[in-house]
C-alpha cells in the first residue's frame, strides 16, 4: 500500500500546483498513457506485425474506435464496403 499512498500524494501535489482537481489530473494522465500505447500499437500495425483484432484486444477498445483513431492520425488502412448491392452481384 506504500506505493498507492505515494501515488496519491503525488497526484494531490500536482493538483495543487496546476490548479486542477485530482480527477482532472488522473484523466490527463490516462489520456497521455493511452495515446502512448496507441502510438506503439500503430507502429506494429504499420509494420504488419499485429492485426487489428489483436491490437483492439490489447488496448481494450472497439474496432470502430481504432479505425477512427487511424483516420484521425491519417494512417492508411483498407476500408471494406459491405453493402447489399455488392453481395447480390
N, C-alpha and C. Protein backbone atom coordinates (compact mmCIF):
# COMPACT_ATOMS: atom_id res chain seq x y z
N UNK A 1 0.81 -1.19 0.00
CA UNK A 1 0.00 0.00 0.00
C UNK A 1 0.86 1.26 0.00
N UNK A 2 2.14 1.08 0.26
CA UNK A 2 3.03 2.24 0.29
C UNK A 2 3.08 2.91 -1.08
N UNK A 3 3.05 2.13 -2.15
CA UNK A 3 3.10 2.68 -3.49
C UNK A 3 1.85 3.49 -3.82
N UNK A 4 0.69 3.02 -3.39
CA UNK A 4 -0.55 3.74 -3.65
C UNK A 4 -0.61 5.07 -2.91
N UNK A 5 -0.11 5.08 -1.68
CA UNK A 5 -0.10 6.33 -0.93
C UNK A 5 0.86 7.34 -1.54
N UNK A 6 1.96 6.85 -2.08
CA UNK A 6 2.92 7.73 -2.75
C UNK A 6 2.30 8.32 -4.01
N UNK A 7 1.58 7.49 -4.77
CA UNK A 7 0.91 7.97 -5.98
C UNK A 7 -0.16 9.00 -5.62
N UNK A 8 -0.91 8.72 -4.58
CA UNK A 8 -1.97 9.65 -4.16
C UNK A 8 -1.38 10.99 -3.73
N UNK A 9 -0.28 10.96 -3.01
CA UNK A 9 0.34 12.22 -2.57
C UNK A 9 0.89 13.00 -3.76
N UNK A 10 1.44 12.31 -4.76
CA UNK A 10 1.95 13.00 -5.94
C UNK A 10 0.81 13.60 -6.76
N UNK A 11 -0.31 12.90 -6.85
CA UNK A 11 -1.47 13.44 -7.56
C UNK A 11 -2.00 14.67 -6.84
N UNK A 12 -2.07 14.62 -5.51
CA UNK A 12 -2.50 15.79 -4.74
C UNK A 12 -1.56 16.97 -4.95
N UNK A 13 -0.27 16.69 -4.98
CA UNK A 13 0.73 17.74 -5.19
C UNK A 13 0.59 18.35 -6.58
N UNK A 14 0.40 17.51 -7.60
CA UNK A 14 0.18 18.01 -8.96
C UNK A 14 -1.10 18.84 -9.05
N UNK A 15 -2.14 18.39 -8.38
CA UNK A 15 -3.42 19.11 -8.40
C UNK A 15 -3.27 20.49 -7.76
N UNK A 16 -2.53 20.57 -6.67
CA UNK A 16 -2.32 21.86 -6.02
C UNK A 16 -1.47 22.80 -6.85
N UNK A 17 -0.46 22.26 -7.54
CA UNK A 17 0.42 23.11 -8.34
C UNK A 17 -0.23 23.59 -9.63
N UNK A 18 -1.14 22.80 -10.20
CA UNK A 18 -1.70 23.15 -11.50
C UNK A 18 -3.11 23.73 -11.43
N UNK A 19 -3.63 23.93 -10.24
CA UNK A 19 -4.98 24.47 -10.04
C UNK A 19 -6.05 23.61 -10.72
N UNK A 20 -5.86 22.31 -10.72
CA UNK A 20 -6.84 21.37 -11.25
C UNK A 20 -7.27 20.44 -10.12
N UNK A 21 -8.39 19.76 -10.34
CA UNK A 21 -8.83 18.78 -9.35
C UNK A 21 -8.06 17.49 -9.56
N UNK A 22 -8.16 16.61 -8.57
CA UNK A 22 -7.45 15.33 -8.66
C UNK A 22 -7.98 14.50 -9.83
N UNK A 23 -9.28 14.56 -10.07
CA UNK A 23 -9.86 13.80 -11.18
C UNK A 23 -9.37 14.30 -12.53
N UNK A 24 -9.20 15.60 -12.67
CA UNK A 24 -8.69 16.15 -13.93
C UNK A 24 -7.25 15.71 -14.16
N UNK A 25 -6.46 15.65 -13.10
CA UNK A 25 -5.07 15.20 -13.22
C UNK A 25 -5.03 13.74 -13.63
N UNK A 26 -5.86 12.91 -13.00
CA UNK A 26 -5.89 11.49 -13.33
C UNK A 26 -6.37 11.29 -14.77
N UNK A 27 -7.36 12.08 -15.20
CA UNK A 27 -7.86 11.98 -16.57
C UNK A 27 -6.77 12.37 -17.57
N UNK A 28 -6.02 13.41 -17.27
CA UNK A 28 -4.92 13.82 -18.15
C UNK A 28 -3.84 12.74 -18.25
N UNK A 29 -3.53 12.12 -17.11
CA UNK A 29 -2.55 11.03 -17.12
C UNK A 29 -3.06 9.84 -17.91
N UNK A 30 -4.35 9.54 -17.79
CA UNK A 30 -4.94 8.43 -18.54
C UNK A 30 -4.85 8.70 -20.04
N UNK A 31 -5.20 9.90 -20.46
CA UNK A 31 -5.12 10.26 -21.88
C UNK A 31 -3.69 10.15 -22.39
N UNK A 32 -2.73 10.63 -21.60
CA UNK A 32 -1.32 10.59 -22.01
C UNK A 32 -0.85 9.16 -22.23
N UNK A 33 -1.10 8.29 -21.26
CA UNK A 33 -0.63 6.91 -21.38
C UNK A 33 -1.41 6.12 -22.41
N UNK A 34 -2.70 6.43 -22.61
CA UNK A 34 -3.47 5.77 -23.65
C UNK A 34 -2.92 6.14 -25.02
N UNK A 35 -2.65 7.42 -25.24
CA UNK A 35 -2.09 7.87 -26.52
C UNK A 35 -0.72 7.25 -26.77
N UNK A 36 0.05 7.09 -25.72
CA UNK A 36 1.37 6.48 -25.83
C UNK A 36 1.24 5.01 -26.25
N UNK A 37 0.28 4.31 -25.67
CA UNK A 37 0.05 2.91 -26.03
C UNK A 37 -0.48 2.78 -27.45
N UNK A 38 -1.37 3.70 -27.84
CA UNK A 38 -1.93 3.67 -29.19
C UNK A 38 -0.83 3.90 -30.22
N UNK A 39 0.06 4.83 -29.96
CA UNK A 39 1.15 5.12 -30.88
C UNK A 39 2.05 3.90 -31.06
N UNK A 40 2.32 3.20 -29.98
CA UNK A 40 3.14 1.99 -30.07
C UNK A 40 2.43 0.91 -30.89
N UNK A 41 1.12 0.78 -30.69
CA UNK A 41 0.37 -0.24 -31.43
C UNK A 41 0.25 0.13 -32.91
N UNK A 42 0.16 1.41 -33.23
CA UNK A 42 0.08 1.84 -34.63
C UNK A 42 1.38 1.50 -35.35
N UNK A 43 2.50 1.58 -34.66
CA UNK A 43 3.77 1.19 -35.26
C UNK A 43 3.74 -0.29 -35.66
N UNK A 44 3.19 -1.12 -34.77
CA UNK A 44 3.06 -2.54 -35.10
C UNK A 44 2.10 -2.75 -36.26
N UNK A 45 1.04 -1.95 -36.30
CA UNK A 45 0.06 -2.07 -37.39
C UNK A 45 0.69 -1.71 -38.73
N UNK A 46 1.50 -0.65 -38.74
CA UNK A 46 2.15 -0.23 -39.98
C UNK A 46 3.14 -1.28 -40.47
N UNK A 47 3.84 -1.92 -39.54
CA UNK A 47 4.80 -2.96 -39.91
C UNK A 47 4.13 -4.29 -40.23
N UNK A 48 2.82 -4.37 -39.98
CA UNK A 48 2.02 -5.57 -40.19
C UNK A 48 2.48 -6.74 -39.31
N UNK A 49 2.95 -6.41 -38.10
CA UNK A 49 3.31 -7.46 -37.15
C UNK A 49 2.14 -7.81 -36.25
N UNK A 50 1.12 -6.96 -36.18
CA UNK A 50 -0.07 -7.22 -35.39
C UNK A 50 -1.30 -6.92 -36.22
N UNK A 51 -2.34 -7.70 -35.99
CA UNK A 51 -3.61 -7.48 -36.67
C UNK A 51 -4.51 -6.59 -35.81
N UNK A 52 -5.53 -6.06 -36.44
CA UNK A 52 -6.44 -5.14 -35.75
C UNK A 52 -7.10 -5.83 -34.57
N UNK A 53 -7.51 -7.06 -34.72
CA UNK A 53 -8.18 -7.78 -33.64
C UNK A 53 -7.28 -7.90 -32.41
N UNK A 54 -6.02 -8.17 -32.64
CA UNK A 54 -5.07 -8.30 -31.53
C UNK A 54 -4.81 -6.94 -30.87
N UNK A 55 -4.71 -5.91 -31.68
CA UNK A 55 -4.46 -4.56 -31.16
C UNK A 55 -5.64 -4.09 -30.32
N UNK A 56 -6.85 -4.27 -30.84
CA UNK A 56 -8.02 -3.81 -30.09
C UNK A 56 -8.21 -4.61 -28.80
N UNK A 57 -7.80 -5.86 -28.82
CA UNK A 57 -7.88 -6.66 -27.60
C UNK A 57 -6.87 -6.15 -26.56
N UNK A 58 -5.66 -5.79 -27.01
CA UNK A 58 -4.65 -5.28 -26.10
C UNK A 58 -5.04 -3.92 -25.51
N UNK A 59 -5.61 -3.05 -26.36
CA UNK A 59 -5.99 -1.71 -25.91
C UNK A 59 -7.36 -1.67 -25.24
N UNK A 60 -8.12 -2.77 -25.36
CA UNK A 60 -9.47 -2.87 -24.79
C UNK A 60 -10.39 -1.80 -25.36
N UNK A 61 -10.37 -1.67 -26.70
CA UNK A 61 -11.25 -0.75 -27.41
C UNK A 61 -11.93 -1.49 -28.55
N UNK A 62 -12.92 -0.86 -29.16
CA UNK A 62 -13.62 -1.49 -30.27
C UNK A 62 -12.86 -1.27 -31.57
N UNK A 63 -13.22 -2.07 -32.57
CA UNK A 63 -12.59 -1.93 -33.89
C UNK A 63 -12.90 -0.58 -34.49
N UNK A 64 -14.14 -0.14 -34.33
CA UNK A 64 -14.55 1.15 -34.89
C UNK A 64 -13.75 2.29 -34.29
N UNK A 65 -13.53 2.23 -33.00
CA UNK A 65 -12.74 3.29 -32.35
C UNK A 65 -11.30 3.28 -32.85
N UNK A 66 -10.74 2.10 -33.05
CA UNK A 66 -9.37 2.01 -33.56
C UNK A 66 -9.27 2.59 -34.97
N UNK A 67 -10.26 2.26 -35.82
CA UNK A 67 -10.24 2.81 -37.18
C UNK A 67 -10.44 4.33 -37.16
N UNK A 68 -11.22 4.84 -36.22
CA UNK A 68 -11.39 6.29 -36.09
C UNK A 68 -10.06 6.93 -35.67
N UNK A 69 -9.33 6.29 -34.78
CA UNK A 69 -8.02 6.81 -34.36
C UNK A 69 -7.06 6.81 -35.55
N UNK A 70 -7.08 5.73 -36.35
CA UNK A 70 -6.23 5.68 -37.55
C UNK A 70 -6.59 6.81 -38.52
N UNK A 71 -7.88 7.05 -38.66
CA UNK A 71 -8.34 8.11 -39.55
C UNK A 71 -7.90 9.48 -39.04
N UNK A 72 -7.99 9.71 -37.74
CA UNK A 72 -7.58 10.98 -37.15
C UNK A 72 -6.07 11.21 -37.29
N UNK A 73 -5.30 10.12 -37.17
CA UNK A 73 -3.85 10.25 -37.28
C UNK A 73 -3.36 10.13 -38.72
N UNK A 74 -4.31 10.02 -39.66
CA UNK A 74 -4.02 9.98 -41.09
C UNK A 74 -3.12 8.80 -41.48
N UNK A 75 -3.45 7.64 -40.94
CA UNK A 75 -2.76 6.40 -41.27
C UNK A 75 -3.63 5.66 -42.28
N UNK A 76 -3.01 5.17 -43.35
CA UNK A 76 -3.77 4.48 -44.38
C UNK A 76 -4.20 3.11 -43.90
N UNK A 77 -5.44 2.76 -44.21
CA UNK A 77 -5.96 1.45 -43.90
C UNK A 77 -7.00 1.09 -44.96
N UNK A 78 -7.30 -0.18 -45.06
CA UNK A 78 -8.23 -0.66 -46.07
C UNK A 78 -9.66 -0.60 -45.53
N UNK A 79 -10.52 0.02 -46.30
CA UNK A 79 -11.93 0.08 -45.93
C UNK A 79 -12.68 -0.96 -46.74
N UNK A 80 -13.48 -1.75 -46.07
CA UNK A 80 -14.29 -2.76 -46.73
C UNK A 80 -15.72 -2.28 -46.76
N UNK A 81 -16.30 -2.25 -47.95
CA UNK A 81 -17.68 -1.81 -48.12
C UNK A 81 -18.57 -3.03 -48.20
N UNK A 82 -19.39 -3.23 -47.21
CA UNK A 82 -20.28 -4.39 -47.17
C UNK A 82 -21.72 -3.93 -47.41
N UNK A 83 -21.99 -3.45 -48.60
CA UNK A 83 -23.34 -3.04 -48.91
C UNK A 83 -24.10 -4.20 -49.54
N UNK A 84 -25.42 -4.11 -49.60
CA UNK A 84 -26.23 -5.19 -50.14
C UNK A 84 -26.03 -5.33 -51.66
N UNK A 85 -25.71 -4.26 -52.35
CA UNK A 85 -25.51 -4.31 -53.79
C UNK A 85 -24.31 -5.19 -54.15
N UNK A 86 -23.25 -5.09 -53.36
CA UNK A 86 -22.06 -5.89 -53.64
C UNK A 86 -22.31 -7.38 -53.38
N UNK A 87 -23.11 -7.69 -52.41
CA UNK A 87 -23.35 -9.08 -52.04
C UNK A 87 -24.22 -9.76 -53.10
N UNK A 88 -25.21 -9.05 -53.63
CA UNK A 88 -26.12 -9.64 -54.60
C UNK A 88 -25.46 -9.88 -55.94
N UNK A 89 -24.51 -9.07 -56.32
CA UNK A 89 -23.89 -9.18 -57.64
C UNK A 89 -22.80 -10.20 -57.70
